Amino acid sequence: MILTNLYVTEKALDRKTRFNVTIATHDHDFLESLLTSKKDPDGCLSLYLVNRPRKFKGSDVTDKSVTKGSFNISGLYYPDPEIPIAYGDINETEDALIFRNNPDTENGITRLEIFVAAGQKHNKRNLYFLFVDGELDHEVEILKSRLT
């Protein structure tokens, strides 16, 4: 399988940019270490979906970034702004990410699904097109069946 992990997040109602992981395959140790909050005693996994700070370096410009604390986990690259699917990679790893969100015109993004493709960082744009074309739908279903 190309897609190895799935993390589903929901926007926290009481926060402007925080998303809490509600269900996941829970098998990407590095990503989970990034998403674990030291302030939450229950070990809740969360992230922040923010407008891309200008201080983040990189040749590609994105509008959004997934962060935790001061760590930039990934930028979100939307090749087609009409499609709510983006790609990126986990900073400091070789893993690619595919993001699928549900843009709500009134409330913005309220749900973000994060698909991990371990070791595929240099293939992330091609994975985006496979995902959009439905070529990875079977893998998506397999990952969804593993959610807890």
N, C-alpha and C. Protein backbone atom coordinates (compact mmCIF):
# COMPACT_ATOMS: atom_id res chain seq x y z
N MET A 1 0.84 -1.20 0.00
CA MET A 1 0.00 0.00 0.00
C MET A 1 0.87 1.25 0.00
N ILE A 2 0.42 2.25 -0.71
CA ILE A 2 1.12 3.53 -0.76
C ILE A 2 0.74 4.37 0.46
N LEU A 3 -0.56 4.46 0.76
CA LEU A 3 -1.02 5.21 1.93
C LEU A 3 -0.88 4.32 3.16
N THR A 4 -0.20 4.82 4.17
CA THR A 4 0.12 3.99 5.32
C THR A 4 -0.61 4.36 6.60
N ASN A 5 -1.06 5.60 6.72
CA ASN A 5 -1.67 6.07 7.96
C ASN A 5 -2.75 7.09 7.65
N LEU A 6 -3.70 7.23 8.59
CA LEU A 6 -4.77 8.21 8.44
C LEU A 6 -5.08 8.84 9.79
N TYR A 7 -5.15 10.16 9.81
CA TYR A 7 -5.53 10.93 11.00
C TYR A 7 -6.68 11.85 10.60
N VAL A 8 -7.80 11.72 11.31
CA VAL A 8 -8.98 12.55 11.03
C VAL A 8 -9.10 13.57 12.14
N THR A 9 -9.21 14.83 11.77
CA THR A 9 -9.29 15.91 12.76
C THR A 9 -10.58 16.70 12.57
N GLU A 10 -11.02 17.28 13.66
CA GLU A 10 -12.20 18.16 13.66
C GLU A 10 -11.79 19.47 14.31
N LYS A 11 -12.32 20.57 13.78
CA LYS A 11 -12.01 21.88 14.34
C LYS A 11 -12.56 21.99 15.75
N ALA A 12 -11.74 22.46 16.66
CA ALA A 12 -12.18 22.68 18.04
C ALA A 12 -13.11 23.89 18.05
N LEU A 13 -14.28 23.74 18.62
CA LEU A 13 -15.28 24.81 18.60
C LEU A 13 -14.84 26.04 19.36
N ASP A 14 -14.01 25.86 20.38
CA ASP A 14 -13.61 26.98 21.22
C ASP A 14 -12.28 27.61 20.80
N ARG A 15 -11.72 27.18 19.69
CA ARG A 15 -10.43 27.70 19.23
C ARG A 15 -10.51 28.10 17.77
N LYS A 16 -9.76 29.11 17.41
CA LYS A 16 -9.79 29.64 16.05
C LYS A 16 -9.09 28.73 15.03
N THR A 17 -7.95 28.14 15.40
CA THR A 17 -7.17 27.38 14.44
C THR A 17 -6.84 25.95 14.89
N ARG A 18 -7.31 25.54 16.06
CA ARG A 18 -6.97 24.21 16.58
C ARG A 18 -7.89 23.13 16.02
N PHE A 19 -7.28 22.01 15.66
CA PHE A 19 -8.00 20.82 15.21
C PHE A 19 -7.58 19.67 16.11
N ASN A 20 -8.55 18.92 16.63
CA ASN A 20 -8.28 17.77 17.47
C ASN A 20 -8.40 16.50 16.64
N VAL A 21 -7.49 15.57 16.85
CA VAL A 21 -7.58 14.27 16.19
C VAL A 21 -8.71 13.51 16.88
N THR A 22 -9.71 13.12 16.10
CA THR A 22 -10.86 12.41 16.67
C THR A 22 -10.75 10.90 16.48
N ILE A 23 -10.23 10.48 15.36
CA ILE A 23 -9.98 9.06 15.11
C ILE A 23 -8.73 8.95 14.24
N ALA A 24 -8.03 7.84 14.37
CA ALA A 24 -6.78 7.67 13.62
C ALA A 24 -6.38 6.21 13.58
N THR A 25 -5.44 5.91 12.70
CA THR A 25 -4.88 4.57 12.68
C THR A 25 -3.82 4.41 13.78
N HIS A 26 -3.37 5.52 14.34
CA HIS A 26 -2.44 5.54 15.48
C HIS A 26 -1.20 4.68 15.28
N ASP A 27 -0.54 4.85 14.15
CA ASP A 27 0.65 4.03 13.95
C ASP A 27 1.80 4.79 13.27
N HIS A 28 1.84 6.11 13.45
CA HIS A 28 2.97 6.89 12.95
C HIS A 28 3.58 7.59 14.17
N ASP A 29 4.59 6.96 14.74
CA ASP A 29 5.15 7.43 16.01
C ASP A 29 5.66 8.87 15.96
N PHE A 30 6.36 9.24 14.89
CA PHE A 30 6.91 10.60 14.81
C PHE A 30 5.80 11.64 14.75
N LEU A 31 4.81 11.42 13.88
CA LEU A 31 3.71 12.37 13.77
C LEU A 31 2.96 12.47 15.09
N GLU A 32 2.71 11.35 15.73
CA GLU A 32 1.99 11.39 17.00
C GLU A 32 2.79 12.11 18.08
N SER A 33 4.11 11.98 18.04
CA SER A 33 4.92 12.71 19.02
C SER A 33 4.80 14.22 18.79
N LEU A 34 4.66 14.63 17.53
CA LEU A 34 4.48 16.03 17.23
C LEU A 34 3.10 16.54 17.67
N LEU A 35 2.09 15.70 17.49
CA LEU A 35 0.71 16.11 17.77
C LEU A 35 0.32 15.99 19.23
N THR A 36 1.13 15.32 20.03
CA THR A 36 0.82 15.17 21.45
C THR A 36 1.04 16.48 22.16
N SER A 37 0.05 16.87 22.93
CA SER A 37 0.13 18.14 23.67
C SER A 37 0.63 17.88 25.08
N LYS A 38 1.68 18.57 25.44
CA LYS A 38 2.21 18.44 26.80
C LYS A 38 1.28 19.11 27.81
N LYS A 39 0.42 19.99 27.35
CA LYS A 39 -0.49 20.70 28.24
C LYS A 39 -1.77 19.91 28.52
N ASP A 40 -2.11 18.97 27.65
CA ASP A 40 -3.33 18.18 27.84
C ASP A 40 -3.00 16.93 28.65
N PRO A 41 -3.55 16.81 29.85
CA PRO A 41 -3.25 15.62 30.67
C PRO A 41 -3.78 14.32 30.07
N ASP A 42 -4.79 14.40 29.21
CA ASP A 42 -5.36 13.19 28.63
C ASP A 42 -4.62 12.73 27.38
N GLY A 43 -3.57 13.46 26.99
CA GLY A 43 -2.77 13.05 25.83
C GLY A 43 -3.47 13.28 24.50
N CYS A 44 -4.37 14.22 24.44
CA CYS A 44 -5.11 14.53 23.21
C CYS A 44 -4.13 14.93 22.10
N LEU A 45 -4.36 14.36 20.91
CA LEU A 45 -3.57 14.74 19.74
C LEU A 45 -4.26 15.93 19.08
N SER A 46 -3.48 16.95 18.73
CA SER A 46 -4.06 18.13 18.10
C SER A 46 -3.02 18.80 17.22
N LEU A 47 -3.50 19.69 16.37
CA LEU A 47 -2.64 20.47 15.50
C LEU A 47 -3.31 21.81 15.26
N TYR A 48 -2.59 22.69 14.60
CA TYR A 48 -3.13 24.00 14.26
C TYR A 48 -3.02 24.20 12.76
N LEU A 49 -4.13 24.61 12.15
CA LEU A 49 -4.16 24.92 10.73
C LEU A 49 -4.16 26.43 10.63
N VAL A 50 -3.05 26.99 10.20
CA VAL A 50 -2.85 28.43 10.25
C VAL A 50 -2.50 28.98 8.87
N ASN A 51 -2.69 30.28 8.71
CA ASN A 51 -2.17 30.93 7.52
C ASN A 51 -0.66 30.83 7.59
N ARG A 52 -0.04 30.57 6.48
CA ARG A 52 1.40 30.31 6.45
C ARG A 52 2.18 31.55 6.90
N PRO A 53 2.93 31.40 8.01
CA PRO A 53 3.75 32.51 8.46
C PRO A 53 4.85 32.82 7.45
N ARG A 54 5.16 34.07 7.27
CA ARG A 54 6.19 34.48 6.32
C ARG A 54 7.58 33.97 6.70
N LYS A 55 7.78 33.69 8.00
CA LYS A 55 9.10 33.24 8.45
C LYS A 55 9.44 31.84 7.97
N PHE A 56 8.42 31.02 7.57
CA PHE A 56 8.71 29.68 7.08
C PHE A 56 9.36 29.78 5.71
N LYS A 57 10.48 29.10 5.57
CA LYS A 57 11.22 29.16 4.32
C LYS A 57 10.75 28.05 3.37
N GLY A 58 11.10 28.20 2.12
CA GLY A 58 10.76 27.19 1.12
C GLY A 58 10.54 27.85 -0.21
N SER A 59 10.76 27.09 -1.27
CA SER A 59 10.63 27.66 -2.60
C SER A 59 9.17 27.71 -3.05
N ASP A 60 8.35 26.80 -2.54
CA ASP A 60 6.94 26.80 -2.89
C ASP A 60 6.16 27.64 -1.89
N VAL A 61 5.24 28.41 -2.38
CA VAL A 61 4.44 29.25 -1.50
C VAL A 61 3.10 28.56 -1.25
N THR A 62 2.71 28.50 0.00
CA THR A 62 1.43 27.93 0.36
C THR A 62 0.64 28.97 1.13
N ASP A 63 -0.65 28.76 1.20
CA ASP A 63 -1.49 29.65 1.99
C ASP A 63 -1.65 29.17 3.42
N LYS A 64 -1.63 27.86 3.61
CA LYS A 64 -1.89 27.25 4.91
C LYS A 64 -0.73 26.36 5.34
N SER A 65 -0.59 26.21 6.65
CA SER A 65 0.39 25.30 7.22
C SER A 65 -0.23 24.57 8.39
N VAL A 66 0.22 23.34 8.60
CA VAL A 66 -0.13 22.57 9.78
C VAL A 66 1.05 22.71 10.73
N THR A 67 0.76 23.20 11.94
CA THR A 67 1.81 23.43 12.91
C THR A 67 1.44 22.84 14.26
N LYS A 68 2.44 22.74 15.11
CA LYS A 68 2.23 22.40 16.52
C LYS A 68 3.33 23.13 17.27
N GLY A 69 2.93 24.05 18.14
CA GLY A 69 3.90 24.89 18.80
C GLY A 69 4.63 25.71 17.75
N SER A 70 5.93 25.74 17.81
CA SER A 70 6.71 26.49 16.82
C SER A 70 7.17 25.61 15.66
N PHE A 71 6.76 24.33 15.65
CA PHE A 71 7.19 23.39 14.61
C PHE A 71 6.22 23.41 13.44
N ASN A 72 6.74 23.66 12.25
CA ASN A 72 5.94 23.60 11.03
C ASN A 72 5.94 22.15 10.55
N ILE A 73 4.81 21.48 10.71
CA ILE A 73 4.71 20.08 10.30
C ILE A 73 4.69 19.98 8.78
N SER A 74 3.83 20.80 8.14
CA SER A 74 3.73 20.75 6.68
C SER A 74 3.00 21.97 6.14
N GLY A 75 3.38 22.38 4.95
CA GLY A 75 2.59 23.33 4.20
C GLY A 75 1.52 22.56 3.44
N LEU A 76 0.44 23.23 3.09
CA LEU A 76 -0.62 22.61 2.27
C LEU A 76 -0.57 23.24 0.89
N TYR A 77 -0.35 22.42 -0.12
CA TYR A 77 -0.26 22.88 -1.50
C TYR A 77 -1.52 22.44 -2.24
N TYR A 78 -2.28 23.40 -2.73
CA TYR A 78 -3.53 23.15 -3.45
C TYR A 78 -3.31 23.42 -4.94
N PRO A 79 -2.96 22.41 -5.74
CA PRO A 79 -2.76 22.63 -7.17
C PRO A 79 -4.01 23.15 -7.88
N ASP A 80 -5.19 22.73 -7.43
CA ASP A 80 -6.44 23.20 -8.01
C ASP A 80 -7.29 23.77 -6.87
N PRO A 81 -7.44 25.09 -6.81
CA PRO A 81 -8.17 25.70 -5.70
C PRO A 81 -9.65 25.31 -5.64
N GLU A 82 -10.16 24.69 -6.69
CA GLU A 82 -11.56 24.25 -6.70
C GLU A 82 -11.74 22.90 -6.03
N ILE A 83 -10.64 22.19 -5.78
CA ILE A 83 -10.69 20.86 -5.19
C ILE A 83 -10.14 20.94 -3.77
N PRO A 84 -10.90 20.47 -2.77
CA PRO A 84 -10.46 20.59 -1.38
C PRO A 84 -9.45 19.51 -0.96
N ILE A 85 -8.47 19.29 -1.81
CA ILE A 85 -7.43 18.30 -1.55
C ILE A 85 -6.08 18.98 -1.78
N ALA A 86 -5.16 18.74 -0.84
CA ALA A 86 -3.83 19.34 -0.93
C ALA A 86 -2.78 18.27 -0.66
N TYR A 87 -1.54 18.62 -0.92
CA TYR A 87 -0.45 17.71 -0.59
C TYR A 87 0.62 18.47 0.19
N GLY A 88 1.48 17.70 0.83
CA GLY A 88 2.60 18.27 1.58
C GLY A 88 3.51 17.13 2.02
N ASP A 89 4.33 17.40 3.02
CA ASP A 89 5.18 16.36 3.58
C ASP A 89 5.47 16.71 5.03
N ILE A 90 5.83 15.69 5.80
CA ILE A 90 6.15 15.90 7.20
C ILE A 90 7.59 16.40 7.28
N ASN A 91 7.75 17.60 7.78
CA ASN A 91 9.06 18.21 7.92
C ASN A 91 10.00 17.27 8.68
N GLU A 92 11.24 17.17 8.21
CA GLU A 92 12.29 16.34 8.80
C GLU A 92 12.08 14.84 8.60
N THR A 93 11.21 14.45 7.66
CA THR A 93 11.02 13.03 7.33
C THR A 93 11.01 12.87 5.82
N GLU A 94 10.85 11.66 5.38
CA GLU A 94 10.70 11.35 3.96
C GLU A 94 9.24 11.02 3.62
N ASP A 95 8.31 11.39 4.49
CA ASP A 95 6.91 11.01 4.33
C ASP A 95 6.08 12.11 3.66
N ALA A 96 5.27 11.69 2.70
CA ALA A 96 4.36 12.60 2.00
C ALA A 96 3.03 12.63 2.73
N LEU A 97 2.28 13.72 2.53
CA LEU A 97 0.95 13.87 3.11
C LEU A 97 -0.04 14.27 2.03
N ILE A 98 -1.24 13.73 2.14
CA ILE A 98 -2.38 14.18 1.35
C ILE A 98 -3.42 14.67 2.35
N PHE A 99 -3.93 15.87 2.13
CA PHE A 99 -4.94 16.47 3.00
C PHE A 99 -6.26 16.55 2.25
N ARG A 100 -7.33 16.13 2.89
CA ARG A 100 -8.67 16.31 2.31
C ARG A 100 -9.49 17.06 3.36
N ASN A 101 -10.08 18.17 2.93
CA ASN A 101 -10.87 18.95 3.88
C ASN A 101 -12.26 19.20 3.34
N ASN A 102 -13.11 19.67 4.22
CA ASN A 102 -14.46 20.01 3.82
C ASN A 102 -14.64 21.52 3.98
N PRO A 103 -14.32 22.27 2.97
CA PRO A 103 -14.46 23.72 3.12
C PRO A 103 -15.93 24.10 3.27
N ASP A 104 -16.22 24.72 4.37
CA ASP A 104 -17.56 25.22 4.66
C ASP A 104 -17.51 26.71 4.38
N THR A 105 -18.27 27.18 3.41
CA THR A 105 -18.16 28.58 3.00
C THR A 105 -18.48 29.53 4.14
N GLU A 106 -19.26 29.09 5.10
CA GLU A 106 -19.62 29.95 6.21
C GLU A 106 -18.61 29.86 7.36
N ASN A 107 -18.12 28.66 7.63
CA ASN A 107 -17.26 28.46 8.80
C ASN A 107 -15.82 28.11 8.46
N GLY A 108 -15.45 28.06 7.21
CA GLY A 108 -14.10 27.64 6.84
C GLY A 108 -13.95 26.13 6.95
N ILE A 109 -12.74 25.67 7.04
CA ILE A 109 -12.47 24.23 7.14
C ILE A 109 -12.85 23.76 8.54
N THR A 110 -13.67 22.73 8.62
CA THR A 110 -14.10 22.20 9.92
C THR A 110 -13.63 20.76 10.13
N ARG A 111 -13.17 20.10 9.08
CA ARG A 111 -12.68 18.72 9.18
C ARG A 111 -11.49 18.59 8.23
N LEU A 112 -10.45 17.92 8.70
CA LEU A 112 -9.26 17.73 7.89
C LEU A 112 -8.80 16.29 8.06
N GLU A 113 -8.76 15.57 6.94
CA GLU A 113 -8.23 14.21 6.94
C GLU A 113 -6.80 14.27 6.44
N ILE A 114 -5.91 13.58 7.15
CA ILE A 114 -4.49 13.59 6.80
C ILE A 114 -4.07 12.16 6.48
N PHE A 115 -3.71 11.94 5.24
CA PHE A 115 -3.24 10.63 4.79
C PHE A 115 -1.72 10.69 4.68
N VAL A 116 -1.04 9.70 5.26
CA VAL A 116 0.41 9.63 5.23
C VAL A 116 0.83 8.56 4.22
N ALA A 117 1.84 8.89 3.44
CA ALA A 117 2.46 7.93 2.53
C ALA A 117 3.94 7.86 2.92
N ALA A 118 4.27 6.88 3.76
CA ALA A 118 5.62 6.77 4.29
C ALA A 118 6.65 6.61 3.17
N GLY A 119 7.73 7.39 3.27
CA GLY A 119 8.82 7.30 2.31
C GLY A 119 8.54 7.88 0.94
N GLN A 120 7.44 8.58 0.77
CA GLN A 120 7.03 9.06 -0.56
C GLN A 120 7.17 10.58 -0.74
N LYS A 121 8.00 11.22 0.07
CA LYS A 121 8.14 12.68 0.02
C LYS A 121 8.42 13.20 -1.40
N HIS A 122 9.26 12.52 -2.12
CA HIS A 122 9.65 12.99 -3.45
C HIS A 122 8.63 12.61 -4.53
N ASN A 123 7.56 11.98 -4.13
CA ASN A 123 6.51 11.56 -5.05
C ASN A 123 5.17 12.21 -4.69
N LYS A 124 5.18 13.20 -3.81
CA LYS A 124 3.94 13.74 -3.25
C LYS A 124 3.01 14.37 -4.29
N ARG A 125 3.54 15.05 -5.25
CA ARG A 125 2.68 15.67 -6.27
C ARG A 125 1.98 14.61 -7.12
N ASN A 126 2.71 13.55 -7.48
CA ASN A 126 2.09 12.46 -8.24
C ASN A 126 1.01 11.76 -7.41
N LEU A 127 1.27 11.60 -6.11
CA LEU A 127 0.27 10.99 -5.23
C LEU A 127 -0.99 11.83 -5.17
N TYR A 128 -0.81 13.14 -5.17
CA TYR A 128 -1.96 14.06 -5.19
C TYR A 128 -2.86 13.73 -6.38
N PHE A 129 -2.27 13.63 -7.56
CA PHE A 129 -3.07 13.37 -8.76
C PHE A 129 -3.72 11.99 -8.73
N LEU A 130 -3.02 10.99 -8.21
CA LEU A 130 -3.62 9.66 -8.05
C LEU A 130 -4.82 9.73 -7.10
N PHE A 131 -4.66 10.47 -6.01
CA PHE A 131 -5.72 10.61 -5.02
C PHE A 131 -6.94 11.30 -5.63
N VAL A 132 -6.72 12.41 -6.30
CA VAL A 132 -7.81 13.18 -6.91
C VAL A 132 -8.53 12.35 -7.97
N ASP A 133 -7.78 11.55 -8.72
CA ASP A 133 -8.37 10.73 -9.78
C ASP A 133 -9.05 9.46 -9.26
N GLY A 134 -8.99 9.24 -7.94
CA GLY A 134 -9.67 8.08 -7.36
C GLY A 134 -8.85 6.80 -7.41
N GLU A 135 -7.59 6.90 -7.83
CA GLU A 135 -6.75 5.71 -7.95
C GLU A 135 -6.37 5.12 -6.58
N LEU A 136 -6.52 5.91 -5.52
CA LEU A 136 -6.16 5.43 -4.18
C LEU A 136 -7.39 5.17 -3.31
N ASP A 137 -8.58 5.16 -3.91
CA ASP A 137 -9.82 4.98 -3.14
C ASP A 137 -9.83 3.67 -2.36
N HIS A 138 -9.32 2.60 -2.95
CA HIS A 138 -9.29 1.30 -2.26
C HIS A 138 -8.42 1.39 -1.00
N GLU A 139 -7.27 2.06 -1.12
CA GLU A 139 -6.39 2.22 0.03
C GLU A 139 -7.04 3.10 1.10
N VAL A 140 -7.77 4.12 0.68
CA VAL A 140 -8.49 4.98 1.63
C VAL A 140 -9.48 4.14 2.43
N GLU A 141 -10.20 3.27 1.75
CA GLU A 141 -11.19 2.42 2.43
C GLU A 141 -10.52 1.47 3.42
N ILE A 142 -9.37 0.93 3.05
CA ILE A 142 -8.63 0.05 3.96
C ILE A 142 -8.21 0.82 5.21
N LEU A 143 -7.68 2.01 5.02
CA LEU A 143 -7.27 2.82 6.18
C LEU A 143 -8.48 3.18 7.05
N LYS A 144 -9.59 3.53 6.43
CA LYS A 144 -10.78 3.88 7.20
C LYS A 144 -11.25 2.69 8.04
N SER A 145 -11.07 1.48 7.54
CA SER A 145 -11.48 0.29 8.31
C SER A 145 -10.58 0.05 9.51
N ARG A 146 -9.41 0.66 9.54
CA ARG A 146 -8.47 0.52 10.66
C ARG A 146 -8.57 1.63 11.69
N LEU A 147 -9.46 2.59 11.49
CA LEU A 147 -9.58 3.72 12.41
C LEU A 147 -10.10 3.31 13.77
N THR A 148 -9.51 3.92 14.81
CA THR A 148 -9.99 3.67 16.18
C THR A 148 -10.17 4.98 16.91
